[in-house]
């Protein structure tokens, strides 16, 4: 009885299976194209791997355009015009996208330069503070230590 109730309870979580493609060649073309496109909802997944509703709508839109005999390049141009270069996993090198290409390297070099500058400055400061005591200062420090030792022994 418990087994039947648990199966019935989990039946509500089941989704409908995605229908098998009418044209396997078209689906293969769609998957090849969708592997190079980014899901705008998931952002780190390809359009082919995403299960978001938006990704399903995008794949449906791509299928419709393929049925209209548009080439892959025409479909990609349409999607870029509609959603921008962000939809491409490998955005083209343009004046607008130079930060995407060189930004990480610029941050790495800037951080490295700042670290080197900080370490050099710190080394100079440590050397400046490392001045030996004069004989008078050394005798004064020894007398203070002796006084502290006397106070602790009492």
Protein backbone atom coordinates (compact mmCIF):
# COMPACT_ATOMS: atom_id res chain seq x y z
CA UNK A 1 0.00 0.00 0.00
CA UNK A 2 2.85 2.39 0.92
CA UNK A 3 4.62 1.60 -2.36
CA UNK A 4 1.52 2.40 -4.39
CA UNK A 5 0.94 5.67 -2.52
CA UNK A 6 4.57 6.75 -3.00
CA UNK A 7 4.41 6.00 -6.74
CA UNK A 8 1.20 7.98 -7.08
CA UNK A 9 2.70 10.89 -5.09
CA UNK A 10 5.79 11.14 -7.32
CA UNK A 11 3.77 10.88 -10.52
CA UNK A 12 3.00 14.60 -10.30
CA UNK A 13 6.73 15.40 -10.66
CA UNK A 14 7.08 13.49 -13.91
CA UNK A 15 7.41 15.54 -17.10
CA UNK A 16 6.23 14.58 -20.52
CA UNK A 17 8.85 13.05 -22.74
CA UNK A 18 10.19 15.21 -25.53
CA UNK A 19 8.64 13.94 -28.77
CA UNK A 20 10.93 12.05 -31.12
CA UNK A 21 12.02 14.16 -34.04
CA UNK A 22 10.03 13.96 -37.22
CA UNK A 23 13.19 14.56 -39.23
CA UNK A 24 16.35 13.10 -37.63
CA UNK A 25 18.60 15.01 -40.05
CA UNK A 26 16.99 18.31 -39.04
CA UNK A 27 17.38 17.44 -35.34
CA UNK A 28 21.04 16.57 -35.88
CA UNK A 29 21.55 19.94 -37.59
CA UNK A 30 19.69 21.66 -34.75
CA UNK A 31 21.87 19.97 -32.10
CA UNK A 32 25.08 20.90 -33.94
CA UNK A 33 23.95 24.52 -34.12
CA UNK A 34 22.65 24.59 -30.53
CA UNK A 35 26.00 23.33 -29.18
CA UNK A 36 27.56 26.69 -30.15
CA UNK A 37 24.75 28.84 -28.72
CA UNK A 38 24.34 29.91 -25.09
CA UNK A 39 21.11 29.54 -23.16
CA UNK A 40 20.31 33.06 -22.00
CA UNK A 41 18.58 31.74 -18.87
CA UNK A 42 21.24 29.25 -17.73
CA UNK A 43 24.17 31.25 -19.21
CA UNK A 44 26.74 28.50 -18.59
CA UNK A 45 24.98 25.84 -20.62
CA UNK A 46 24.63 25.35 -24.30
CA UNK A 47 21.23 25.70 -25.85
CA UNK A 48 21.35 21.98 -26.64
CA UNK A 49 21.99 20.98 -22.99
CA UNK A 50 19.60 23.41 -21.31
CA UNK A 51 16.18 22.26 -20.13
CA UNK A 52 14.85 25.76 -19.45
CA UNK A 53 11.54 26.72 -21.04
CA UNK A 54 13.27 29.57 -22.85
CA UNK A 55 15.76 27.10 -24.37
CA UNK A 56 12.87 24.95 -25.59
CA UNK A 57 11.32 28.02 -27.22
CA UNK A 58 14.66 28.90 -28.84
CA UNK A 59 15.05 25.38 -30.23
CA UNK A 60 11.47 25.55 -31.56
CA UNK A 61 12.28 28.89 -33.23
CA UNK A 62 15.43 27.41 -34.78
CA UNK A 63 13.43 24.40 -36.06
CA UNK A 64 10.90 26.75 -37.67
CA UNK A 65 13.67 28.67 -39.40
CA UNK A 66 15.22 25.42 -40.59
CA UNK A 67 11.85 24.41 -42.03
CA UNK A 68 11.91 27.71 -43.93
CA UNK A 69 15.19 26.49 -45.52
CA UNK A 70 17.39 29.10 -43.83
CA UNK A 71 21.08 28.30 -43.56
CA UNK A 72 22.85 27.93 -40.21
CA UNK A 73 24.62 31.23 -40.80
CA UNK A 74 21.30 33.03 -41.44
CA UNK A 75 19.84 31.53 -38.25
CA UNK A 76 22.87 32.58 -36.18
CA UNK A 77 22.72 36.09 -37.69
CA UNK A 78 19.03 36.30 -36.76
CA UNK A 79 19.72 35.22 -33.17
CA UNK A 80 22.67 37.61 -32.81
CA UNK A 81 20.56 40.47 -34.17
CA UNK A 82 17.83 39.60 -31.69
CA UNK A 83 19.86 38.72 -28.56
CA UNK A 84 23.34 40.13 -29.18
CA UNK A 85 26.75 38.48 -29.28
CA UNK A 86 26.20 37.06 -25.79
CA UNK A 87 24.21 34.20 -27.30
CA UNK A 88 27.38 32.91 -28.96
CA UNK A 89 29.72 30.80 -26.84
CA UNK A 90 32.64 32.15 -28.89
CA UNK A 91 31.83 35.82 -29.46
CA UNK A 92 33.58 37.45 -32.44
CA UNK A 93 36.48 39.81 -31.89
CA UNK A 94 34.98 43.29 -32.24
CA UNK A 95 35.66 46.66 -30.68
CA UNK A 96 32.74 46.05 -28.33
CA UNK A 97 33.98 42.62 -27.18
CA UNK A 98 37.66 43.39 -26.64
CA UNK A 99 37.04 43.43 -22.89
CA UNK A 100 35.70 39.87 -23.06
CA UNK A 101 38.87 38.74 -24.80
CA UNK A 102 41.52 40.77 -22.99
CA UNK A 103 39.82 41.65 -19.69
CA UNK A 104 40.95 38.55 -17.75
CA UNK A 105 44.57 38.96 -18.91
CA UNK A 106 44.50 42.67 -18.08
CA UNK A 107 43.22 41.95 -14.57
CA UNK A 108 45.84 39.23 -14.09
CA UNK A 109 48.69 41.50 -15.21
CA UNK A 110 47.37 44.43 -13.15
CA UNK A 111 47.04 42.26 -10.06
CA UNK A 112 50.53 40.84 -10.56
CA UNK A 113 52.02 44.32 -10.98
CA UNK A 114 50.22 45.57 -7.84
CA UNK A 115 51.49 42.56 -5.87
CA UNK A 116 55.10 43.13 -7.02
CA UNK A 117 54.85 46.85 -6.19
CA UNK A 118 53.45 46.08 -2.72
CA UNK A 119 56.09 43.45 -1.94
CA UNK A 120 58.96 45.71 -3.01
CA UNK A 121 57.61 48.60 -0.93
CA UNK A 122 57.18 46.31 2.05
CA UNK A 123 60.74 44.98 1.73
CA UNK A 124 62.09 48.56 1.73
CA UNK A 125 60.01 49.43 4.81
CA UNK A 126 61.28 46.34 6.65
CA UNK A 127 64.89 47.22 5.81
CA UNK A 128 64.38 50.78 7.08
CA UNK A 129 63.03 49.49 10.40
CA UNK A 130 65.89 47.01 10.83
CA UNK A 131 68.35 49.54 12.29
CA UNK A 132 70.73 48.14 14.96
CA UNK A 133 70.52 49.60 18.47
CA UNK A 134 73.13 51.99 19.74
CA UNK A 135 75.12 50.96 22.81
CA UNK A 136 73.12 53.36 24.97
CA UNK A 137 69.77 51.94 23.68
CA UNK A 138 70.97 48.36 24.26
CA UNK A 139 71.97 49.12 27.89
CA UNK A 140 68.63 50.86 28.49
CA UNK A 141 66.72 47.83 27.12
CA UNK A 142 68.74 45.44 29.33
CA UNK A 143 67.98 47.50 32.43
CA UNK A 144 64.25 47.50 31.60
CA UNK A 145 64.29 43.72 31.16
CA UNK A 146 66.07 43.29 34.52
CA UNK A 147 63.46 45.50 36.22
CA UNK A 148 60.62 43.48 34.70
CA UNK A 149 62.22 40.23 35.84
CA UNK A 150 62.55 41.63 39.40
CA UNK A 151 58.89 42.67 39.47
CA UNK A 152 57.75 39.24 38.29
CA UNK A 153 59.81 37.39 40.90
CA UNK A 154 58.25 39.34 43.78
